Amino acid sequence: MNENTYYHSINLGKVSIKGNLFLAPMAGFTDIPFRSLCIKEGADLTFTEMVSAEGLSRDGEKTLDLMARADNEEQYAVQLFMGALDPIKEALDRLKPYKPTLIDINCGCPVPKVTKTGAGSSIMRSPELITKMVELIVSNTEVPVSVKFRTGWDSNSENFLAFAQAALDGGASMLTLHARTKAQGYAPFAHWDKLRELKDYCISHHYEVPVIGSGDLFTATDAKRMFEETGVDGVMFARGAVGNPFIFSQTKQLLSGREIEPITLDRKIEAIITHLDLMIAHYGEKSACMQMRKHTCSYLKGIAHTGPVKQAVVKAVSRQDYICALEMLHSTC
C-alpha cells in the first residue's frame, strides 16, 4: 500500500471523521487546553479524560466539567468507564446534551483504583459484560460507540479476539486496541502483531469496522510503521503526544510523502507559552502554572542542559515566571 493512502477519513455509520490520527484519552492530560492545542497541531479526533459513568449518573460537577468541549473542537469523543450496567442510562441522559461525536468505553485502564471497581481492563475478564454495555448505549443513543481494550489481562489470558467479537456483538462501531496486556501496564514493548491479528479477524469475519492501533507511538515514523506493519485504519497517540503535540502535523507530513519539518527550539517555546495561556484561560493563573509544570518538563525532554530551566519551572507560580525560565533556554542550549 502506498503511504499516501494511509491517511484518510474514518466513517462510523452516518458519522464521518475527517482523518485517522487520534489523541488518546489520558487522565490528567487530555483536558480542554491540551486537546485544543493538539487540534491546532493536526489531531483529527480528540478524546476526553476518562469520565466516570457513576459520577455522571449522580450529576457530579467535576465529572460534568470533564465533558466540556474546546472552542476549536468540532468533533470529540467522550470516554466512559464503569464496572456495571446500572449507571449507564442516567449517565447517558447527562451526556447527550454535550453532543459528542463518539462514545468510547474504557476497557484498557490498568490502574488498580479503576480495575478494583470492575472497570477498565477488568472488563476483559467478562466479555459478556461489554456486549451488554455496548447494547445498552447503542439502544439509548444514536451516537456511535467504540471500545478501547488491551490484548488481555495477562500473557496467560490474551482474549482480545474474543473480546472484540463480544464488543461487535453489542454493536460497536470502532475498535481500538492498545497492544499490551493489563499486566504489562506501559512497559516495553507493545505487541503490534496483535493489531494485525485483530484487523485480519475483522476482515475475515466481514466486519467493516475501523481498527485503531495504540501503543509505542512516539514519533511520526512509528505511526507510519504501524500502518505498514499492521494494516490498522488509524492510530491513537497517547504518551507520544505529551510535550509533543507536533506529532500530528509531522505524521501528516510523512504520510503525504513530504519530509518531516524539524521542531525548532523557538517553536517549542511558542507551544509551551500557547499551552500555558490556554491553561490560564481555563483554570486561572495559579492552578495553570502548577499543572503546566509536568507538561513543560515533557516539552523539554531530550534537550541538553535544561536542568536549570526545569528547576525554575518547578518553582514557577506565574506566567512571568515561565517567561523568565524559558528565556534561559537560549543561553543554556
Protein backbone atom coordinates (compact mmCIF):
# COMPACT_ATOMS: atom_id res chain seq x y z
CA MET A 1 0.00 0.00 0.00
CA ASN A 2 1.28 3.46 -0.89
CA GLU A 3 1.97 5.72 2.09
CA ASN A 4 -0.33 8.34 0.60
CA THR A 5 -3.29 6.03 1.22
CA TYR A 6 -2.63 5.63 4.96
CA TYR A 7 -4.15 8.98 5.86
CA HIS A 8 -7.90 9.05 5.27
CA SER A 9 -11.27 9.76 6.82
CA ILE A 10 -12.99 7.36 9.21
CA ASN A 11 -16.66 6.53 8.73
CA LEU A 12 -18.79 5.36 11.64
CA GLY A 13 -22.23 4.83 10.17
CA LYS A 14 -23.64 8.27 9.45
CA VAL A 15 -20.72 9.97 11.19
CA SER A 16 -17.56 10.87 9.26
CA ILE A 17 -14.33 11.86 10.99
CA LYS A 18 -12.07 13.88 8.71
CA GLY A 19 -8.89 11.94 9.41
CA ASN A 20 -7.44 8.97 11.27
CA LEU A 21 -4.89 10.48 13.66
CA PHE A 22 -6.39 10.48 17.15
CA LEU A 23 -5.41 11.81 20.57
CA ALA A 24 -5.96 9.12 23.21
CA PRO A 25 -7.86 9.72 26.45
CA MET A 26 -5.33 10.26 29.25
CA ALA A 27 -6.30 11.07 32.82
CA GLY A 28 -4.64 14.26 33.96
CA PHE A 29 -3.53 15.24 30.47
CA THR A 30 -6.29 15.39 27.83
CA ASP A 31 -8.12 18.38 29.25
CA ILE A 32 -9.54 21.19 27.12
CA PRO A 33 -6.26 23.16 26.81
CA PHE A 34 -4.22 20.17 25.67
CA ARG A 35 -6.90 18.89 23.31
CA SER A 36 -7.25 22.36 21.83
CA LEU A 37 -3.51 22.57 21.18
CA CYS A 38 -3.39 19.10 19.63
CA ILE A 39 -6.23 20.04 17.27
CA LYS A 40 -4.28 23.14 16.27
CA GLU A 41 -1.34 20.85 15.51
CA GLY A 42 -3.43 18.47 13.39
CA ALA A 43 -5.25 15.95 15.59
CA ASP A 44 -8.36 14.70 13.77
CA LEU A 45 -10.27 13.43 16.81
CA THR A 46 -9.61 14.07 20.48
CA PHE A 47 -10.83 12.09 23.48
CA THR A 48 -11.72 13.45 26.90
CA GLU A 49 -10.12 12.17 30.05
CA MET A 50 -11.89 9.12 31.48
CA VAL A 51 -15.37 10.07 32.66
CA SER A 52 -16.96 8.01 35.42
CA ALA A 53 -20.42 6.81 34.41
CA GLU A 54 -21.22 6.50 38.10
CA GLY A 55 -20.17 10.11 38.76
CA LEU A 56 -22.05 11.24 35.68
CA SER A 57 -25.23 9.50 36.78
CA ARG A 58 -25.02 11.42 40.06
CA ASP A 59 -24.62 14.72 38.25
CA GLY A 60 -21.19 15.35 39.77
CA GLU A 61 -19.95 18.83 38.87
CA LYS A 62 -16.32 17.77 38.38
CA THR A 63 -17.43 14.88 36.20
CA LEU A 64 -19.55 17.16 34.04
CA ASP A 65 -16.61 19.56 33.65
CA LEU A 66 -14.58 16.77 32.03
CA MET A 67 -17.05 16.68 29.14
CA ALA A 68 -16.86 20.36 28.21
CA ARG A 69 -15.82 20.95 24.62
CA ALA A 70 -12.91 23.14 23.48
CA ASP A 71 -13.74 26.09 21.24
CA ASN A 72 -11.97 24.52 18.25
CA GLU A 73 -13.22 21.00 18.98
CA GLU A 74 -15.71 20.45 16.15
CA GLN A 75 -15.67 16.71 16.82
CA TYR A 76 -14.70 14.94 20.02
CA ALA A 77 -15.16 11.68 21.85
CA VAL A 78 -16.20 11.16 25.46
CA GLN A 79 -14.67 8.14 27.12
CA LEU A 80 -16.73 6.45 29.83
CA PHE A 81 -15.56 3.96 32.41
CA MET A 82 -17.79 1.79 34.55
CA GLY A 83 -17.81 -1.69 36.02
CA ALA A 84 -21.55 -2.34 35.84
CA LEU A 85 -24.62 -1.57 33.75
CA ASP A 86 -26.56 0.27 36.48
CA PRO A 87 -25.33 3.85 35.92
CA ILE A 88 -25.37 3.82 32.13
CA LYS A 89 -28.87 5.09 31.34
CA GLU A 90 -28.70 8.03 33.75
CA ALA A 91 -25.16 8.79 32.61
CA LEU A 92 -26.36 8.97 29.00
CA ASP A 93 -29.09 11.42 29.99
CA ARG A 94 -26.37 13.75 31.33
CA LEU A 95 -24.11 13.09 28.37
CA LYS A 96 -26.47 13.66 25.45
CA PRO A 97 -26.63 17.50 25.72
CA TYR A 98 -22.87 17.63 25.08
CA LYS A 99 -23.44 16.02 21.66
CA PRO A 100 -20.21 14.01 21.41
CA THR A 101 -19.17 12.59 18.07
CA LEU A 102 -18.37 9.26 19.67
CA ILE A 103 -18.84 7.48 22.99
CA ASP A 104 -15.87 5.30 23.91
CA ILE A 105 -15.88 2.61 26.61
CA ASN A 106 -12.64 2.19 28.53
CA CYS A 107 -11.69 -1.47 28.86
CA GLY A 108 -7.96 -0.90 28.99
CA CYS A 109 -7.01 1.17 32.03
CA PRO A 110 -4.65 -0.95 34.19
CA VAL A 111 -4.63 1.36 37.25
CA PRO A 112 -5.65 -0.56 40.42
CA LYS A 113 -8.09 2.07 41.68
CA VAL A 114 -10.02 1.61 38.42
CA THR A 115 -9.70 -2.15 37.99
CA LYS A 116 -10.70 -2.91 41.58
CA THR A 117 -14.13 -1.43 40.83
CA GLY A 118 -14.55 -3.85 37.95
CA ALA A 119 -13.94 -1.11 35.37
CA GLY A 120 -11.10 -0.56 32.91
CA SER A 121 -9.20 -3.68 31.89
CA SER A 122 -11.12 -5.74 34.46
CA ILE A 123 -13.98 -5.89 31.96
CA MET A 124 -11.80 -8.05 29.76
CA ARG A 125 -12.34 -10.85 32.25
CA SER A 126 -16.06 -10.73 31.46
CA PRO A 127 -16.54 -10.34 27.68
CA GLU A 128 -20.29 -10.85 28.05
CA LEU A 129 -20.41 -7.61 30.05
CA ILE A 130 -19.01 -5.49 27.23
CA THR A 131 -21.68 -6.89 24.91
CA LYS A 132 -24.38 -5.71 27.31
CA MET A 133 -22.71 -2.32 27.87
CA VAL A 134 -22.45 -1.57 24.17
CA GLU A 135 -26.00 -2.81 23.53
CA LEU A 136 -27.36 -0.57 26.27
CA ILE A 137 -25.61 2.53 24.96
CA VAL A 138 -26.49 1.80 21.34
CA SER A 139 -30.15 1.31 22.22
CA ASN A 140 -30.31 4.60 24.13
CA THR A 141 -28.44 6.96 21.82
CA GLU A 142 -27.69 7.47 18.13
CA VAL A 143 -24.04 8.30 18.90
CA PRO A 144 -21.59 5.66 17.60
CA VAL A 145 -19.92 3.55 20.28
CA SER A 146 -16.29 2.45 20.31
CA VAL A 147 -14.39 0.21 22.69
CA LYS A 148 -10.75 0.61 23.73
CA PHE A 149 -9.18 -2.52 25.18
CA ARG A 150 -5.95 -4.45 25.67
CA THR A 151 -4.73 -7.81 24.45
CA GLY A 152 -5.82 -9.44 27.71
CA TRP A 153 -5.43 -9.43 31.48
CA ASP A 154 -2.01 -11.09 31.29
CA SER A 155 0.05 -13.27 28.95
CA ASN A 156 -1.90 -16.35 30.03
CA SER A 157 -5.27 -14.86 29.15
CA GLU A 158 -4.91 -12.95 25.88
CA ASN A 159 -8.54 -12.92 24.78
CA PHE A 160 -8.58 -9.80 22.63
CA LEU A 161 -10.17 -11.50 19.62
CA ALA A 162 -13.00 -12.98 21.69
CA PHE A 163 -13.39 -9.64 23.45
CA ALA A 164 -13.52 -7.80 20.14
CA GLN A 165 -16.22 -10.20 18.97
CA ALA A 166 -18.19 -9.53 22.16
CA ALA A 167 -17.99 -5.77 21.54
CA LEU A 168 -19.06 -6.24 17.93
CA ASP A 169 -21.94 -8.43 19.05
CA GLY A 170 -23.17 -5.47 21.08
CA GLY A 171 -22.98 -3.13 18.09
CA ALA A 172 -19.61 -1.39 18.46
CA SER A 173 -18.77 0.89 15.52
CA MET A 174 -15.00 1.05 16.14
CA LEU A 175 -12.34 -0.94 17.99
CA THR A 176 -9.14 0.45 19.49
CA LEU A 177 -6.50 -1.98 20.68
CA HIS A 178 -3.67 -1.00 22.99
CA ALA A 179 -1.29 -3.79 22.11
CA ARG A 180 -0.27 -4.72 25.66
CA THR A 181 -1.82 -6.82 28.41
CA LYS A 182 -3.10 -5.26 31.61
CA ALA A 183 -0.18 -6.87 33.47
CA GLN A 184 2.30 -5.12 31.17
CA GLY A 185 0.96 -1.70 32.10
CA TYR A 186 3.02 0.65 29.93
CA ALA A 187 6.24 -1.36 29.99
CA PRO A 188 8.08 -2.11 26.77
CA PHE A 189 7.09 -3.35 24.32
CA ALA A 190 3.69 -3.21 22.64
CA HIS A 191 2.93 -6.30 20.53
CA TRP A 192 1.91 -4.83 17.20
CA ASP A 193 1.42 -8.30 15.72
CA LYS A 194 -1.80 -8.43 17.76
CA LEU A 195 -3.06 -5.39 15.85
CA ARG A 196 -2.57 -7.27 12.60
CA GLU A 197 -4.41 -10.26 14.09
CA LEU A 198 -7.36 -8.10 15.07
CA LYS A 199 -7.56 -6.38 11.70
CA ASP A 200 -7.35 -9.71 9.87
CA TYR A 201 -10.03 -11.14 12.15
CA CYS A 202 -12.42 -8.30 11.34
CA ILE A 203 -11.80 -8.68 7.61
CA SER A 204 -12.21 -12.45 7.62
CA HIS A 205 -15.45 -12.17 9.58
CA HIS A 206 -16.78 -9.41 7.30
CA TYR A 207 -16.87 -6.64 9.91
CA GLU A 208 -16.38 -3.28 8.22
CA VAL A 209 -15.40 -1.50 11.42
CA PRO A 210 -12.28 0.67 11.77
CA VAL A 211 -9.49 -0.82 13.87
CA ILE A 212 -7.34 1.79 15.60
CA GLY A 213 -3.85 0.98 16.87
CA SER A 214 -2.30 2.19 20.11
CA GLY A 215 0.97 1.53 21.88
CA ASP A 216 4.58 2.74 21.42
CA LEU A 217 3.73 5.61 19.08
CA PHE A 218 6.34 8.23 19.93
CA THR A 219 7.24 9.61 16.51
CA ALA A 220 5.71 10.11 13.09
CA THR A 221 7.93 7.30 11.86
CA ASP A 222 6.39 4.98 14.47
CA ALA A 223 2.92 5.84 13.16
CA LYS A 224 3.87 5.16 9.56
CA ARG A 225 5.45 1.86 10.55
CA MET A 226 2.32 0.83 12.45
CA PHE A 227 0.22 1.47 9.36
CA GLU A 228 2.66 -0.53 7.22
CA GLU A 229 3.07 -3.49 9.56
CA THR A 230 -0.44 -3.92 10.93
CA GLY A 231 -2.96 -2.64 8.39
CA VAL A 232 -4.83 -0.62 11.02
CA ASP A 233 -7.29 2.03 9.88
CA GLY A 234 -5.99 4.72 12.22
CA VAL A 235 -3.57 5.41 15.04
CA MET A 236 -4.08 6.80 18.52
CA PHE A 237 -1.25 8.79 20.09
CA ALA A 238 -1.03 8.80 23.89
CA ARG A 239 2.25 9.44 25.75
CA GLY A 240 3.89 10.24 22.43
CA ALA A 241 1.82 13.42 22.18
CA VAL A 242 2.60 14.68 25.69
CA GLY A 243 5.09 17.50 25.28
CA ASN A 244 4.95 16.78 21.57
CA PRO A 245 1.64 17.88 20.02
CA PHE A 246 3.62 18.36 16.79
CA ILE A 247 3.44 14.59 16.26
CA PHE A 248 0.13 15.03 14.45
CA SER A 249 1.36 17.52 11.86
CA GLN A 250 4.62 15.61 11.43
CA THR A 251 2.75 12.36 10.81
CA LYS A 252 0.59 14.04 8.18
CA GLN A 253 3.74 15.37 6.51
CA LEU A 254 5.34 11.93 6.46
CA LEU A 255 2.20 10.13 5.23
CA SER A 256 1.81 12.64 2.40
CA GLY A 257 5.34 11.91 1.18
CA ARG A 258 6.91 15.10 2.48
CA GLU A 259 9.93 15.45 4.71
CA ILE A 260 9.23 15.93 8.40
CA GLU A 261 9.60 19.55 9.42
CA PRO A 262 12.06 19.78 12.35
CA ILE A 263 10.68 21.35 15.52
CA THR A 264 12.92 24.25 16.39
CA LEU A 265 13.58 25.44 19.92
CA ASP A 266 11.64 28.63 19.22
CA ARG A 267 8.63 26.62 18.07
CA LYS A 268 8.74 24.56 21.26
CA ILE A 269 8.90 27.71 23.35
CA GLU A 270 5.96 29.15 21.41
CA ALA A 271 3.96 25.95 22.01
CA ILE A 272 4.73 25.99 25.74
CA ILE A 273 3.54 29.59 26.05
CA THR A 274 0.42 28.88 23.97
CA HIS A 275 -0.32 25.82 26.12
CA LEU A 276 0.19 27.83 29.30
CA ASP A 277 -2.10 30.62 28.08
CA LEU A 278 -4.81 28.07 27.26
CA MET A 279 -4.39 26.63 30.76
CA ILE A 280 -4.61 30.06 32.38
CA ALA A 281 -7.78 30.88 30.46
CA HIS A 282 -9.32 27.61 31.61
CA TYR A 283 -8.06 27.22 35.19
CA GLY A 284 -6.79 30.62 36.27
CA GLU A 285 -3.14 31.58 36.58
CA LYS A 286 -2.23 29.92 39.88
CA SER A 287 -3.66 26.48 39.10
CA ALA A 288 -2.48 26.62 35.49
CA CYS A 289 1.10 27.36 36.46
CA MET A 290 1.16 24.39 38.81
CA GLN A 291 -0.40 21.99 36.30
CA MET A 292 1.79 23.23 33.46
CA ARG A 293 4.98 22.11 35.20
CA LYS A 294 4.62 18.47 34.11
CA HIS A 295 3.83 19.49 30.54
CA THR A 296 6.79 21.85 30.30
CA CYS A 297 9.22 19.19 31.51
CA SER A 298 7.84 16.90 28.79
CA TYR A 299 8.38 19.59 26.13
CA LEU A 300 11.99 19.95 27.28
CA LYS A 301 12.70 16.20 27.38
CA GLY A 302 15.68 15.32 25.24
CA ILE A 303 17.05 18.86 25.09
CA ALA A 304 20.51 19.04 26.62
CA HIS A 305 21.46 21.34 29.51
CA THR A 306 17.90 22.24 30.53
CA GLY A 307 18.31 21.31 34.19
CA PRO A 308 18.28 24.94 35.43
CA VAL A 309 15.25 25.70 33.27
CA LYS A 310 13.31 22.74 34.65
CA GLN A 311 14.23 23.72 38.20
CA ALA A 312 12.88 27.23 37.55
CA VAL A 313 9.69 25.82 36.00
CA VAL A 314 9.04 23.57 39.01
CA LYS A 315 9.02 26.70 41.17
CA ALA A 316 7.02 28.86 38.73
CA VAL A 317 3.81 30.34 40.13
CA SER A 318 3.06 32.97 37.47
CA ARG A 319 3.10 33.39 33.72
CA GLN A 320 6.05 35.75 34.05
CA ASP A 321 7.98 33.07 35.94
CA TYR A 322 7.55 30.81 32.92
CA ILE A 323 8.65 33.53 30.51
CA CYS A 324 11.81 34.12 32.57
CA ALA A 325 12.51 30.39 32.78
CA LEU A 326 12.06 29.90 29.04
CA GLU A 327 14.33 32.85 28.26
CA MET A 328 17.10 30.82 29.88
CA LEU A 329 16.82 28.24 27.09
CA HIS A 330 18.65 30.43 24.57
CA SER A 331 21.62 30.77 26.91
CA THR A 332 21.77 27.14 28.02
CA CYS A 333 21.05 25.30 24.74
